[in-house]
PDB file of N, CA and C in Angstrom:
ATOM      1  N   MET A   1      29.090  52.369  -3.336  1.00  0.00           N
ATOM      2  CA  MET A   1      30.479  52.017  -3.150  1.00  0.00           C
ATOM      3  C   MET A   1      31.277  53.321  -3.082  1.00  0.00           C
ATOM      4  N   ASN A   2      32.115  53.457  -2.068  1.00  0.00           N
ATOM      5  CA  ASN A   2      32.880  54.693  -1.970  1.00  0.00           C
ATOM      6  C   ASN A   2      34.001  54.717  -3.012  1.00  0.00           C
ATOM      7  N   PRO A   3      34.499  55.900  -3.339  1.00  0.00           N
ATOM      8  CA  PRO A   3      35.487  56.019  -4.420  1.00  0.00           C
ATOM      9  C   PRO A   3      36.746  55.176  -4.211  1.00  0.00           C
ATOM     10  N   GLN A   4      37.238  55.099  -2.999  1.00  0.00           N
ATOM     11  CA  GLN A   4      38.449  54.306  -2.733  1.00  0.00           C
ATOM     12  C   GLN A   4      38.193  52.827  -3.002  1.00  0.00           C
ATOM     13  N   ASN A   5      37.051  52.320  -2.563  1.00  0.00           N
ATOM     14  CA  ASN A   5      36.712  50.920  -2.833  1.00  0.00           C
ATOM     15  C   ASN A   5      36.546  50.672  -4.322  1.00  0.00           C
ATOM     16  N   MET A   6      35.959  51.632  -5.034  1.00  0.00           N
ATOM     17  CA  MET A   6      35.773  51.491  -6.477  1.00  0.00           C
ATOM     18  C   MET A   6      37.125  51.424  -7.178  1.00  0.00           C
ATOM     19  N   ILE A   7      38.068  52.261  -6.768  1.00  0.00           N
ATOM     20  CA  ILE A   7      39.416  52.245  -7.361  1.00  0.00           C
ATOM     21  C   ILE A   7      40.085  50.894  -7.106  1.00  0.00           C
ATOM     22  N   GLN A   8      39.981  50.386  -5.895  1.00  0.00           N
ATOM     23  CA  GLN A   8      40.565  49.081  -5.570  1.00  0.00           C
ATOM     24  C   GLN A   8      39.897  47.978  -6.383  1.00  0.00           C
ATOM     25  N   PHE A   9      38.595  48.059  -6.522  1.00  0.00           N
ATOM     26  CA  PHE A   9      37.849  47.060  -7.285  1.00  0.00           C
ATOM     27  C   PHE A   9      38.278  47.069  -8.743  1.00  0.00           C
ATOM     28  N   MET A  10      38.355  48.253  -9.344  1.00  0.00           N
ATOM     29  CA  MET A  10      38.748  48.369 -10.747  1.00  0.00           C
ATOM     30  C   MET A  10      40.177  47.878 -10.955  1.00  0.00           C
ATOM     31  N   SER A  11      41.051  48.132 -10.000  1.00  0.00           N
ATOM     32  CA  SER A  11      42.424  47.635 -10.076  1.00  0.00           C
ATOM     33  C   SER A  11      42.446  46.112 -10.020  1.00  0.00           C
ATOM     34  N   ALA A  12      41.636  45.539  -9.153  1.00  0.00           N
ATOM     35  CA  ALA A  12      41.560  44.076  -9.034  1.00  0.00           C
ATOM     36  C   ALA A  12      41.021  43.457 -10.321  1.00  0.00           C
ATOM     37  N   ILE A  13      40.030  44.111 -10.948  1.00  0.00           N
ATOM     38  CA  ILE A  13      39.486  43.626 -12.222  1.00  0.00           C
ATOM     39  C   ILE A  13      40.572  43.658 -13.294  1.00  0.00           C
ATOM     40  N   ALA A  14      41.341  44.736 -13.359  1.00  0.00           N
ATOM     41  CA  ALA A  14      42.415  44.848 -14.360  1.00  0.00           C
ATOM     42  C   ALA A  14      43.465  43.766 -14.144  1.00  0.00           C
ATOM     43  N   THR A  15      43.820  43.514 -12.901  1.00  0.00           N
ATOM     44  CA  THR A  15      44.795  42.461 -12.587  1.00  0.00           C
ATOM     45  C   THR A  15      44.257  41.108 -13.007  1.00  0.00           C
ATOM     46  N   PHE A  16      42.983  40.839 -12.711  1.00  0.00           N
ATOM     47  CA  PHE A  16      42.359  39.571 -13.099  1.00  0.00           C
ATOM     48  C   PHE A  16      42.419  39.399 -14.611  1.00  0.00           C
ATOM     49  N   ARG A  17      42.079  40.450 -15.346  1.00  0.00           N
ATOM     50  CA  ARG A  17      42.108  40.384 -16.812  1.00  0.00           C
ATOM     51  C   ARG A  17      43.519  40.108 -17.328  1.00  0.00           C
ATOM     52  N   ASN A  18      44.520  40.720 -16.706  1.00  0.00           N
ATOM     53  CA  ASN A  18      45.901  40.482 -17.114  1.00  0.00           C
ATOM     54  C   ASN A  18      46.350  39.060 -16.792  1.00  0.00           C
ATOM     55  N   ASN A  19      45.919  38.549 -15.659  1.00  0.00           N
ATOM     56  CA  ASN A  19      46.313  37.200 -15.242  1.00  0.00           C
ATOM     57  C   ASN A  19      45.577  36.099 -15.998  1.00  0.00           C
ATOM     58  N   HIS A  20      44.362  36.385 -16.455  1.00  0.00           N
ATOM     59  CA  HIS A  20      43.510  35.371 -17.086  1.00  0.00           C
ATOM     60  C   HIS A  20      42.874  35.924 -18.361  1.00  0.00           C
ATOM     61  N   PRO A  21      43.685  36.289 -19.363  1.00  0.00           N
ATOM     62  CA  PRO A  21      43.137  36.956 -20.551  1.00  0.00           C
ATOM     63  C   PRO A  21      42.136  36.104 -21.331  1.00  0.00           C
ATOM     64  N   LYS A  22      42.356  34.801 -21.425  1.00  0.00           N
ATOM     65  CA  LYS A  22      41.418  33.955 -22.177  1.00  0.00           C
ATOM     66  C   LYS A  22      40.067  33.885 -21.488  1.00  0.00           C
ATOM     67  N   PHE A  23      40.076  33.753 -20.168  1.00  0.00           N
ATOM     68  CA  PHE A  23      38.822  33.691 -19.426  1.00  0.00           C
ATOM     69  C   PHE A  23      38.094  35.029 -19.507  1.00  0.00           C
ATOM     70  N   ALA A  24      38.838  36.124 -19.338  1.00  0.00           N
ATOM     71  CA  ALA A  24      38.230  37.451 -19.402  1.00  0.00           C
ATOM     72  C   ALA A  24      37.627  37.700 -20.789  1.00  0.00           C
ATOM     73  N   GLU A  25      38.322  37.262 -21.838  1.00  0.00           N
ATOM     74  CA  GLU A  25      37.800  37.417 -23.190  1.00  0.00           C
ATOM     75  C   GLU A  25      36.528  36.587 -23.382  1.00  0.00           C
ATOM     76  N   PHE A  26      36.532  35.376 -22.842  1.00  0.00           N
ATOM     77  CA  PHE A  26      35.374  34.495 -22.925  1.00  0.00           C
ATOM     78  C   PHE A  26      34.160  35.144 -22.263  1.00  0.00           C
ATOM     79  N   VAL A  27      34.340  35.640 -21.056  1.00  0.00           N
ATOM     80  CA  VAL A  27      33.239  36.292 -20.337  1.00  0.00           C
ATOM     81  C   VAL A  27      32.810  37.555 -21.069  1.00  0.00           C
ATOM     82  N   GLY A  28      33.777  38.339 -21.539  1.00  0.00           N
ATOM     83  CA  GLY A  28      33.470  39.569 -22.250  1.00  0.00           C
ATOM     84  C   GLY A  28      32.643  39.333 -23.502  1.00  0.00           C
ATOM     85  N   ARG A  29      32.923  38.231 -24.183  1.00  0.00           N
ATOM     86  CA  ARG A  29      32.162  37.890 -25.394  1.00  0.00           C
ATOM     87  C   ARG A  29      30.669  37.803 -25.095  1.00  0.00           C
ATOM     88  N   PHE A  30      30.336  37.171 -23.999  1.00  0.00           N
ATOM     89  CA  PHE A  30      28.927  36.989 -23.667  1.00  0.00           C
ATOM     90  C   PHE A  30      28.320  38.206 -22.996  1.00  0.00           C
ATOM     91  N   MET A  31      29.144  39.027 -22.361  1.00  0.00           N
ATOM     92  CA  MET A  31      28.626  40.276 -21.796  1.00  0.00           C
ATOM     93  C   MET A  31      28.225  41.209 -22.942  1.00  0.00           C
ATOM     94  N   LYS A  32      28.982  41.185 -24.039  1.00  0.00           N
ATOM     95  CA  LYS A  32      28.693  42.056 -25.178  1.00  0.00           C
ATOM     96  C   LYS A  32      27.514  41.541 -25.988  1.00  0.00           C
ATOM     97  N   SER A  33      27.511  40.233 -26.281  1.00  0.00           N
ATOM     98  CA  SER A  33      26.465  39.682 -27.149  1.00  0.00           C
ATOM     99  C   SER A  33      25.198  39.333 -26.384  1.00  0.00           C
ATOM    100  N   GLY A  34      25.312  39.214 -25.073  1.00  0.00           N
ATOM    101  CA  GLY A  34      24.157  38.893 -24.252  1.00  0.00           C
ATOM    102  C   GLY A  34      23.982  37.401 -24.051  1.00  0.00           C
ATOM    103  N   ILE A  35      23.400  37.069 -22.961  1.00  0.00           N
ATOM    104  CA  ILE A  35      23.075  35.681 -22.619  1.00  0.00           C
ATOM    105  C   ILE A  35      21.574  35.644 -22.431  1.00  0.00           C
ATOM    106  N   PRO A  36      20.855  35.016 -23.348  1.00  0.00           N
ATOM    107  CA  PRO A  36      19.395  35.042 -23.232  1.00  0.00           C
ATOM    108  C   PRO A  36      18.877  34.236 -22.035  1.00  0.00           C
ATOM    109  N   GLU A  37      17.749  34.674 -21.532  1.00  0.00           N
ATOM    110  CA  GLU A  37      17.070  33.935 -20.466  1.00  0.00           C
ATOM    111  C   GLU A  37      16.868  32.499 -20.933  1.00  0.00           C
ATOM    112  N   GLY A  38      17.093  31.558 -20.038  1.00  0.00           N
ATOM    113  CA  GLY A  38      16.961  30.143 -20.364  1.00  0.00           C
ATOM    114  C   GLY A  38      18.283  29.487 -20.723  1.00  0.00           C
ATOM    115  N   SER A  39      19.338  30.294 -20.971  1.00  0.00           N
ATOM    116  CA  SER A  39      20.668  29.736 -21.227  1.00  0.00           C
ATOM    117  C   SER A  39      21.159  29.034 -19.964  1.00  0.00           C
ATOM    118  N   VAL A  40      22.023  28.053 -20.153  1.00  0.00           N
ATOM    119  CA  VAL A  40      22.608  27.338 -19.021  1.00  0.00           C
ATOM    120  C   VAL A  40      24.095  27.654 -18.971  1.00  0.00           C
ATOM    121  N   ILE A  41      24.564  28.096 -17.808  1.00  0.00           N
ATOM    122  CA  ILE A  41      25.982  28.354 -17.573  1.00  0.00           C
ATOM    123  C   ILE A  41      26.490  27.244 -16.673  1.00  0.00           C
ATOM    124  N   GLU A  42      27.578  26.629 -17.082  1.00  0.00           N
ATOM    125  CA  GLU A  42      28.147  25.509 -16.328  1.00  0.00           C
ATOM    126  C   GLU A  42      29.595  25.826 -15.998  1.00  0.00           C
ATOM    127  N   ILE A  43      30.025  25.461 -14.797  1.00  0.00           N
ATOM    128  CA  ILE A  43      31.407  25.689 -14.383  1.00  0.00           C
ATOM    129  C   ILE A  43      31.914  24.449 -13.652  1.00  0.00           C
ATOM    130  N   THR A  44      33.184  24.135 -13.904  1.00  0.00           N
ATOM    131  CA  THR A  44      33.837  23.006 -13.252  1.00  0.00           C
ATOM    132  C   THR A  44      35.074  23.518 -12.535  1.00  0.00           C
ATOM    133  N   VAL A  45      35.258  23.086 -11.298  1.00  0.00           N
ATOM    134  CA  VAL A  45      36.459  23.408 -10.525  1.00  0.00           C
ATOM    135  C   VAL A  45      37.193  22.111 -10.255  1.00  0.00           C
ATOM    136  N   THR A  46      38.479  22.095 -10.596  1.00  0.00           N
ATOM    137  CA  THR A  46      39.318  20.929 -10.334  1.00  0.00           C
ATOM    138  C   THR A  46      40.472  21.377  -9.449  1.00  0.00           C
ATOM    139  N   ARG A  47      40.425  20.970  -8.185  1.00  0.00           N
ATOM    140  CA  ARG A  47      41.505  21.286  -7.256  1.00  0.00           C
ATOM    141  C   ARG A  47      42.628  20.275  -7.459  1.00  0.00           C
ATOM    142  N   PRO A  48      43.862  20.692  -7.211  1.00  0.00           N
ATOM    143  CA  PRO A  48      44.973  19.751  -7.366  1.00  0.00           C
ATOM    144  C   PRO A  48      44.745  18.486  -6.538  1.00  0.00           C
ATOM    145  N   GLY A  49      44.856  17.337  -7.192  1.00  0.00           N
ATOM    146  CA  GLY A  49      44.727  16.053  -6.497  1.00  0.00           C
ATOM    147  C   GLY A  49      43.304  15.640  -6.188  1.00  0.00           C
ATOM    148  N   GLU A  50      42.305  16.406  -6.638  1.00  0.00           N
ATOM    149  CA  GLU A  50      40.913  16.083  -6.350  1.00  0.00           C
ATOM    150  C   GLU A  50      40.132  15.887  -7.643  1.00  0.00           C
ATOM    151  N   GLU A  51      38.984  15.260  -7.523  1.00  0.00           N
ATOM    152  CA  GLU A  51      38.096  15.067  -8.665  1.00  0.00           C
ATOM    153  C   GLU A  51      37.408  16.385  -9.010  1.00  0.00           C
ATOM    154  N   PRO A  52      37.109  16.609 -10.275  1.00  0.00           N
ATOM    155  CA  PRO A  52      36.389  17.827 -10.662  1.00  0.00           C
ATOM    156  C   PRO A  52      34.990  17.881 -10.041  1.00  0.00           C
ATOM    157  N   VAL A  53      34.557  19.084  -9.743  1.00  0.00           N
ATOM    158  CA  VAL A  53      33.205  19.331  -9.242  1.00  0.00           C
ATOM    159  C   VAL A  53      32.560  20.314 -10.218  1.00  0.00           C
ATOM    160  N   THR A  54      31.372  19.954 -10.705  1.00  0.00           N
ATOM    161  CA  THR A  54      30.679  20.764 -11.704  1.00  0.00           C
ATOM    162  C   THR A  54      29.313  21.170 -11.192  1.00  0.00           C
ATOM    163  N   THR A  55      28.931  22.403 -11.520  1.00  0.00           N
ATOM    164  CA  THR A  55      27.584  22.881 -11.225  1.00  0.00           C
ATOM    165  C   THR A  55      27.120  23.729 -12.402  1.00  0.00           C
ATOM    166  N   ASN A  56      25.837  24.028 -12.424  1.00  0.00           N
ATOM    167  CA  ASN A  56      25.321  24.880 -13.486  1.00  0.00           C
ATOM    168  C   ASN A  56      24.153  25.699 -12.970  1.00  0.00           C
ATOM    169  N   MET A  57      23.787  26.682 -13.765  1.00  0.00           N
ATOM    170  CA  MET A  57      22.629  27.524 -13.435  1.00  0.00           C
ATOM    171  C   MET A  57      21.909  27.876 -14.715  1.00  0.00           C
ATOM    172  N   LYS A  58      20.616  27.959 -14.636  1.00  0.00           N
ATOM    173  CA  LYS A  58      19.799  28.412 -15.752  1.00  0.00           C
ATOM    174  C   LYS A  58      19.567  29.909 -15.562  1.00  0.00           C
ATOM    175  N   VAL A  59      19.882  30.686 -16.577  1.00  0.00           N
ATOM    176  CA  VAL A  59      19.789  32.138 -16.500  1.00  0.00           C
ATOM    177  C   VAL A  59      18.324  32.566 -16.413  1.00  0.00           C
ATOM    178  N   MET A  60      18.048  33.386 -15.403  1.00  0.00           N
ATOM    179  CA  MET A  60      16.699  33.905 -15.176  1.00  0.00           C
ATOM    180  C   MET A  60      16.685  35.402 -15.473  1.00  0.00           C
ATOM    181  N   GLN A  61      15.508  35.976 -15.616  1.00  0.00           N
ATOM    182  CA  GLN A  61      15.373  37.408 -15.905  1.00  0.00           C
ATOM    183  C   GLN A  61      16.078  38.248 -14.840  1.00  0.00           C
ATOM    184  N   GLU A  62      15.980  37.870 -13.588  1.00  0.00           N
ATOM    185  CA  GLU A  62      16.624  38.623 -12.510  1.00  0.00           C
ATOM    186  C   GLU A  62      18.144  38.629 -12.676  1.00  0.00           C
ATOM    187  N   ASP A  63      18.708  37.542 -13.200  1.00  0.00           N
ATOM    188  CA  ASP A  63      20.150  37.479 -13.444  1.00  0.00           C
ATOM    189  C   ASP A  63      20.543  38.486 -14.517  1.00  0.00           C
ATOM    190  N   LEU A  64      19.719  38.585 -15.551  1.00  0.00           N
ATOM    191  CA  LEU A  64      19.983  39.535 -16.633  1.00  0.00           C
ATOM    192  C   LEU A  64      19.911  40.975 -16.125  1.00  0.00           C
ATOM    193  N   GLU A  65      18.992  41.223 -15.213  1.00  0.00           N
ATOM    194  CA  GLU A  65      18.871  42.561 -14.630  1.00  0.00           C
ATOM    195  C   GLU A  65      20.116  42.908 -13.820  1.00  0.00           C
ATOM    196  N   LEU A  66      20.660  41.941 -13.081  1.00  0.00           N
ATOM    197  CA  LEU A  66      21.895  42.155 -12.324  1.00  0.00           C
ATOM    198  C   LEU A  66      23.041  42.486 -13.279  1.00  0.00           C
ATOM    199  N   LEU A  67      23.141  41.769 -14.382  1.00  0.00           N
ATOM    200  CA  LEU A  67      24.195  42.049 -15.354  1.00  0.00           C
ATOM    201  C   LEU A  67      24.074  43.463 -15.907  1.00  0.00           C
ATOM    202  N   GLN A  68      22.854  43.930 -16.131  1.00  0.00           N
ATOM    203  CA  GLN A  68      22.647  45.297 -16.608  1.00  0.00           C
ATOM    204  C   GLN A  68      23.134  46.319 -15.581  1.00  0.00           C
ATOM    205  N   VAL A  69      22.887  46.049 -14.302  1.00  0.00           N
ATOM    206  CA  VAL A  69      23.365  46.946 -13.246  1.00  0.00           C
ATOM    207  C   VAL A  69      24.891  46.980 -13.258  1.00  0.00           C
ATOM    208  N   LEU A  70      25.518  45.806 -13.384  1.00  0.00           N
ATOM    209  CA  LEU A  70      26.981  45.735 -13.411  1.00  0.00           C
ATOM    210  C   LEU A  70      27.555  46.468 -14.625  1.00  0.00           C
ATOM    211  N   LYS A  71      26.905  46.301 -15.768  1.00  0.00           N
ATOM    212  CA  LYS A  71      27.345  47.017 -16.965  1.00  0.00           C
ATOM    213  C   LYS A  71      27.244  48.523 -16.739  1.00  0.00           C
ATOM    214  N   GLY A  72      26.198  48.933 -16.054  1.00  0.00           N
ATOM    215  CA  GLY A  72      26.001  50.363 -15.769  1.00  0.00           C
ATOM    216  C   GLY A  72      27.074  50.950 -14.878  1.00  0.00           C
ATOM    217  N   MET A  73      27.771  50.100 -14.142  1.00  0.00           N
ATOM    218  CA  MET A  73      28.868  50.565 -13.293  1.00  0.00           C
ATOM    219  C   MET A  73      30.139  50.771 -14.119  1.00  0.00           C
ATOM    220  N   ASN A  74      30.050  50.507 -15.443  1.00  0.00           N
ATOM    221  CA  ASN A  74      31.176  50.681 -16.365  1.00  0.00           C
ATOM    222  C   ASN A  74      32.377  49.857 -15.937  1.00  0.00           C
ATOM    223  N   MET A  75      32.149  48.580 -15.706  1.00  0.00           N
ATOM    224  CA  MET A  75      33.206  47.696 -15.241  1.00  0.00           C
ATOM    225  C   MET A  75      34.009  47.116 -16.401  1.00  0.00           C
ATOM    226  N   GLN A  76      33.765  47.539 -17.614  1.00  0.00           N
ATOM    227  CA  GLN A  76      34.522  47.029 -18.746  1.00  0.00           C
ATOM    228  C   GLN A  76      35.956  47.547 -18.738  1.00  0.00           C
ATOM    229  N   GLY A  77      36.237  48.563 -17.969  1.00  0.00           N
ATOM    230  CA  GLY A  77      37.601  49.101 -17.841  1.00  0.00           C
ATOM    231  C   GLY A  77      37.936  49.956 -18.957  1.00  0.00           C
TER     232      GLY A  77
END
């Protein structure tokens, strides 16, 4: 990632954290404590006027490796 894109990305992350502090704190909690392989992550999206849609994923070793790469990019701000 070139430096300009990295600066824009980090700015977008900071804005997201400011706009959604509870969600960012929730995600940060699990980034710090870890999510063991076999954990299930579930998310629901409810659009205005529509029924909720829910999906989930079971955490695999490859997912944990991706998180380690992201942590290595020092995205904690």
